[in-house]
Amino acid sequence: MAKKSRRARRQRASRPQSVPPSTTAAPTSQPVDTPEDDQVDVPAPTAAKQVDFVAEYGYIVGDLRSMGIIALAMLALLIILALVLQ
């Protein structure tokens, strides 16, 4: 799963459409208003919620136990077959 990034995503600048020369406006000499600081306001990180892993992932213990039993049974079967086939 990809990690979530806190960095603000840049929006793609759309390509300017070709505009007929008769409709283009003359450039103005007025200054463009720009924000003083270039920082994006990022909300403060919140405290992580406490997760009860035993209640949330309790079924995993049962699955691991059953996989272990199956693995031991297969290992025992391989050992028995090795002894019989010699």
C-alpha atoms as a PDB file:
ATOM      1  CA  MET A   1       0.000   0.000   0.000  1.00  0.00           C
ATOM      2  CA  ALA A   2       1.411   3.380  -0.944  1.00  0.00           C
ATOM      3  CA  LYS A   3       2.303   5.839   1.760  1.00  0.00           C
ATOM      4  CA  LYS A   4       0.150   8.927   1.888  1.00  0.00           C
ATOM      5  CA  SER A   5       2.064  12.091   1.221  1.00  0.00           C
ATOM      6  CA  ARG A   6       1.427  15.330   3.072  1.00  0.00           C
ATOM      7  CA  ARG A   7       2.824  17.373   0.227  1.00  0.00           C
ATOM      8  CA  ALA A   8       0.202  19.288  -1.700  1.00  0.00           C
ATOM      9  CA  ARG A   9      -0.233  18.016  -5.223  1.00  0.00           C
ATOM     10  CA  ARG A  10       0.489  20.384  -8.046  1.00  0.00           C
ATOM     11  CA  GLN A  11      -2.325  20.943 -10.448  1.00  0.00           C
ATOM     12  CA  ARG A  12      -1.437  20.480 -14.053  1.00  0.00           C
ATOM     13  CA  ALA A  13      -1.271  23.726 -15.912  1.00  0.00           C
ATOM     14  CA  SER A  14      -3.615  23.495 -18.828  1.00  0.00           C
ATOM     15  CA  ARG A  15      -2.121  24.264 -22.183  1.00  0.00           C
ATOM     16  CA  PRO A  16      -3.234  27.603 -23.515  1.00  0.00           C
ATOM     17  CA  GLN A  17      -5.730  27.261 -26.302  1.00  0.00           C
ATOM     18  CA  SER A  18      -4.791  28.952 -29.521  1.00  0.00           C
ATOM     19  CA  VAL A  19      -6.576  32.286 -29.442  1.00  0.00           C
ATOM     20  CA  PRO A  20      -7.053  34.405 -32.536  1.00  0.00           C
ATOM     21  CA  PRO A  21      -4.847  37.535 -32.410  1.00  0.00           C
ATOM     22  CA  SER A  22      -7.824  39.884 -32.568  1.00  0.00           C
ATOM     23  CA  THR A  23      -9.158  38.698 -29.183  1.00  0.00           C
ATOM     24  CA  THR A  24      -5.912  38.822 -27.215  1.00  0.00           C
ATOM     25  CA  ALA A  25      -5.722  41.566 -24.628  1.00  0.00           C
ATOM     26  CA  ALA A  26      -2.714  43.811 -24.298  1.00  0.00           C
ATOM     27  CA  PRO A  27      -0.576  43.026 -21.248  1.00  0.00           C
ATOM     28  CA  THR A  28      -1.179  45.311 -18.312  1.00  0.00           C
ATOM     29  CA  SER A  29       1.528  46.819 -16.178  1.00  0.00           C
ATOM     30  CA  GLN A  30      -0.332  46.228 -12.892  1.00  0.00           C
ATOM     31  CA  PRO A  31       1.484  44.007 -10.396  1.00  0.00           C
ATOM     32  CA  VAL A  32       0.037  40.590  -9.799  1.00  0.00           C
ATOM     33  CA  ASP A  33      -1.096  39.858  -6.247  1.00  0.00           C
ATOM     34  CA  THR A  34       0.972  37.005  -4.842  1.00  0.00           C
ATOM     35  CA  PRO A  35       0.848  35.509  -1.366  1.00  0.00           C
ATOM     36  CA  GLU A  36       3.670  36.676   0.883  1.00  0.00           C
ATOM     37  CA  ASP A  37       4.683  33.226   2.058  1.00  0.00           C
ATOM     38  CA  ASP A  38       4.853  30.329  -0.359  1.00  0.00           C
ATOM     39  CA  GLN A  39       4.058  27.765   2.329  1.00  0.00           C
ATOM     40  CA  VAL A  40       0.856  25.774   2.083  1.00  0.00           C
ATOM     41  CA  ASP A  41      -1.072  25.603   5.324  1.00  0.00           C
ATOM     42  CA  VAL A  42      -0.898  22.006   6.518  1.00  0.00           C
ATOM     43  CA  PRO A  43      -3.103  20.971   9.438  1.00  0.00           C
ATOM     44  CA  ALA A  44      -1.256  19.910  12.553  1.00  0.00           C
ATOM     45  CA  PRO A  45      -0.867  16.136  12.911  1.00  0.00           C
ATOM     46  CA  THR A  46      -3.416  14.597  15.221  1.00  0.00           C
ATOM     47  CA  ALA A  47      -2.665  12.002  17.853  1.00  0.00           C
ATOM     48  CA  ALA A  48      -2.858   8.425  16.577  1.00  0.00           C
ATOM     49  CA  LYS A  49      -5.854   6.433  17.732  1.00  0.00           C
ATOM     50  CA  GLN A  50      -5.124   3.498  20.010  1.00  0.00           C
ATOM     51  CA  VAL A  51      -5.873   0.252  18.183  1.00  0.00           C
ATOM     52  CA  ASP A  52      -6.667  -2.962  20.000  1.00  0.00           C
ATOM     53  CA  PHE A  53      -4.696  -5.386  17.842  1.00  0.00           C
ATOM     54  CA  VAL A  54      -5.886  -8.465  19.737  1.00  0.00           C
ATOM     55  CA  ALA A  55      -9.515  -7.680  18.967  1.00  0.00           C
ATOM     56  CA  GLU A  56      -8.818  -6.465  15.441  1.00  0.00           C
ATOM     57  CA  TYR A  57      -6.491  -9.265  14.278  1.00  0.00           C
ATOM     58  CA  GLY A  58      -7.441 -12.117  16.600  1.00  0.00           C
ATOM     59  CA  TYR A  59      -8.318 -14.431  13.733  1.00  0.00           C
ATOM     60  CA  ILE A  60      -4.698 -14.396  12.535  1.00  0.00           C
ATOM     61  CA  VAL A  61      -3.552 -16.440  15.547  1.00  0.00           C
ATOM     62  CA  GLY A  62      -5.966 -19.217  14.629  1.00  0.00           C
ATOM     63  CA  ASP A  63      -4.864 -19.133  10.984  1.00  0.00           C
ATOM     64  CA  LEU A  64      -1.176 -19.314  11.946  1.00  0.00           C
ATOM     65  CA  ARG A  65      -1.874 -22.225  14.283  1.00  0.00           C
ATOM     66  CA  SER A  66      -3.680 -24.186  11.555  1.00  0.00           C
ATOM     67  CA  MET A  67      -0.931 -23.453   9.010  1.00  0.00           C
ATOM     68  CA  GLY A  68       1.670 -24.669  11.515  1.00  0.00           C
ATOM     69  CA  ILE A  69      -0.206 -27.913  12.105  1.00  0.00           C
ATOM     70  CA  ILE A  70      -0.508 -28.497   8.346  1.00  0.00           C
ATOM     71  CA  ALA A  71       3.216 -27.756   7.852  1.00  0.00           C
ATOM     72  CA  LEU A  72       4.194 -30.217  10.615  1.00  0.00           C
ATOM     73  CA  ALA A  73       1.917 -32.883   9.155  1.00  0.00           C
ATOM     74  CA  MET A  74       3.477 -32.430   5.712  1.00  0.00           C
ATOM     75  CA  LEU A  75       6.995 -32.608   7.194  1.00  0.00           C
ATOM     76  CA  ALA A  76       6.106 -35.798   9.066  1.00  0.00           C
ATOM     77  CA  LEU A  77       4.654 -37.262   5.850  1.00  0.00           C
ATOM     78  CA  LEU A  78       7.875 -36.470   3.979  1.00  0.00           C
ATOM     79  CA  ILE A  79       9.991 -38.111   6.657  1.00  0.00           C
ATOM     80  CA  ILE A  80       7.802 -41.230   6.674  1.00  0.00           C
ATOM     81  CA  LEU A  81       7.896 -41.444   2.860  1.00  0.00           C
ATOM     82  CA  ALA A  82      11.702 -41.044   2.887  1.00  0.00           C
ATOM     83  CA  LEU A  83      12.055 -43.916   5.362  1.00  0.00           C
ATOM     84  CA  VAL A  84       9.633 -46.182   3.484  1.00  0.00           C
ATOM     85  CA  LEU A  85      11.108 -45.592   0.030  1.00  0.00           C
ATOM     86  CA  GLN A  86      14.721 -46.366   1.071  1.00  0.00           C
END
